Structures are given as structure tokens and as C-alpha cells.
Amino acid sequence: MVDITVTITESENKALGYAAVSQQEWAENALTERARRAGDEIIAILLKHCNANDIAMATGREAQIDQAFTLNLVESAADREANFVNN
């Protein structure tokens, strides 16, 4: 597990409290949903690659995401930005 800490102002906290019953729950849901969607995108890229190249896909979501990174099919947004800036 990875801990992610976010700091917001008092007024931002009050505003978020207006929009959500629990600010913590809202933040956790936003992060996990975005991660799920990104994982779906990564797995789709892996599936296409594996089918085109007769490669066995790993079993399980975590293993499939790891496999996509190991095969260099995807890279982090930070790496993509660094490569863009350096080229």
C-alpha cells in the first residue's frame, strides 16, 4: 500500500464538506476510481500487444499491470513528460 497525503486550505475543506459527506472518503474514491480507469487502459494495451504477438498474459489485474510495465508497453506520466521535455 502507498499513502498519499494531500493538504487543502480550510475554505477548500469547508467547500468539499458541502459537496461530500466525508472529505476523506470522497478523496479516496476519486483516487481509486482514477487508478481503476488507468488500469483498464493499461490492460487493454497489454491485451492488444499479447494477442498480436502470441504472448501469454499474466493472470490477475495487478500482474497484468506489472507485465505491461515490464514489457515497456506503458510508462508513468512523469517519465512521458521527462521524455517529451528532453526530446
Protein backbone atom coordinates (compact mmCIF):
# COMPACT_ATOMS: atom_id res chain seq x y z
CA MET A 1 0.00 0.00 0.00
CA VAL A 2 1.05 3.56 -0.69
CA ASP A 3 -0.01 6.52 1.43
CA ILE A 4 -0.78 9.75 -0.43
CA THR A 5 -1.13 12.92 1.61
CA VAL A 6 -2.92 15.99 0.31
CA THR A 7 -3.16 19.36 2.02
CA ILE A 8 -6.03 21.73 1.32
CA THR A 9 -6.99 25.05 2.86
CA GLU A 10 -9.71 25.40 5.49
CA SER A 11 -12.03 27.01 2.95
CA GLU A 12 -11.38 24.20 0.45
CA ASN A 13 -12.17 21.69 3.20
CA LYS A 14 -15.41 23.51 4.01
CA ALA A 15 -16.36 23.65 0.33
CA LEU A 16 -15.64 19.95 -0.11
CA GLY A 17 -17.69 19.26 3.01
CA TYR A 18 -20.58 20.97 1.25
CA ALA A 19 -20.21 18.59 -1.70
CA ALA A 20 -19.42 15.37 0.16
CA VAL A 21 -20.50 13.73 3.40
CA SER A 22 -16.87 12.73 4.08
CA GLN A 23 -13.95 14.59 2.54
CA GLN A 24 -11.63 11.64 3.20
CA GLU A 25 -14.00 9.14 1.60
CA TRP A 26 -14.50 11.43 -1.40
CA ALA A 27 -10.73 11.81 -1.90
CA GLU A 28 -10.13 8.06 -1.58
CA ASN A 29 -12.93 7.32 -4.04
CA ALA A 30 -11.59 9.85 -6.56
CA LEU A 31 -8.09 8.35 -6.40
CA THR A 32 -9.17 4.71 -6.58
CA GLU A 33 -11.59 5.37 -9.45
CA ARG A 34 -8.91 7.17 -11.49
CA ALA A 35 -6.46 4.38 -10.77
CA ARG A 36 -9.07 1.80 -11.86
CA ARG A 37 -9.64 3.60 -15.14
CA ALA A 38 -5.91 3.90 -15.79
CA GLY A 39 -5.53 0.19 -15.01
CA ASP A 40 -8.26 -0.64 -17.53
CA GLU A 41 -6.39 1.39 -20.18
CA ILE A 42 -3.10 -0.38 -19.37
CA ILE A 43 -4.71 -3.83 -19.52
CA ALA A 44 -6.29 -3.01 -22.89
CA ILE A 45 -2.85 -2.06 -24.24
CA LEU A 46 -1.38 -5.28 -22.84
CA LEU A 47 -4.19 -7.43 -24.29
CA LYS A 48 -3.73 -5.94 -27.75
CA HIS A 49 0.04 -6.48 -27.60
CA CYS A 50 -0.21 -10.03 -26.28
CA ASN A 51 -2.78 -11.04 -28.90
CA ALA A 52 -0.72 -9.53 -31.72
CA ASN A 53 2.47 -11.24 -30.57
CA ASP A 54 1.16 -14.59 -29.22
CA ILE A 55 2.31 -13.76 -25.69
CA ALA A 56 0.56 -15.21 -22.64
CA MET A 57 -0.96 -12.56 -20.44
CA ALA A 58 -0.25 -12.69 -16.76
CA THR A 59 -3.10 -13.80 -14.50
CA GLY A 60 -4.78 -11.19 -12.34
CA ARG A 61 -5.12 -7.42 -12.59
CA GLU A 62 -2.01 -6.50 -10.59
CA ALA A 63 0.14 -8.98 -12.52
CA GLN A 64 -1.19 -7.69 -15.84
CA ILE A 65 -0.40 -4.08 -14.96
CA ASP A 66 3.09 -5.14 -13.85
CA GLN A 67 3.54 -7.10 -17.10
CA ALA A 68 2.65 -4.08 -19.20
CA PHE A 69 5.31 -2.02 -17.42
CA THR A 70 7.87 -4.87 -17.63
CA LEU A 71 7.29 -5.17 -21.39
CA ASN A 72 7.73 -1.37 -21.68
CA LEU A 73 4.29 -1.03 -23.23
CA VAL A 74 3.46 1.80 -20.87
CA GLU A 75 5.38 4.26 -18.74
CA SER A 76 4.45 6.68 -15.99
CA ALA A 77 3.16 10.13 -16.85
CA ALA A 78 6.28 11.58 -15.18
CA ASP A 79 8.51 9.51 -17.49
CA ARG A 80 6.45 10.50 -20.55
CA GLU A 81 6.77 14.16 -19.61
CA ALA A 82 10.53 13.87 -18.99
CA ASN A 83 10.99 12.17 -22.36
CA PHE A 84 8.91 14.87 -24.06
CA VAL A 85 10.87 17.69 -22.44
CA ASN A 86 14.22 16.06 -23.24
CA ASN A 87 13.40 15.43 -26.91
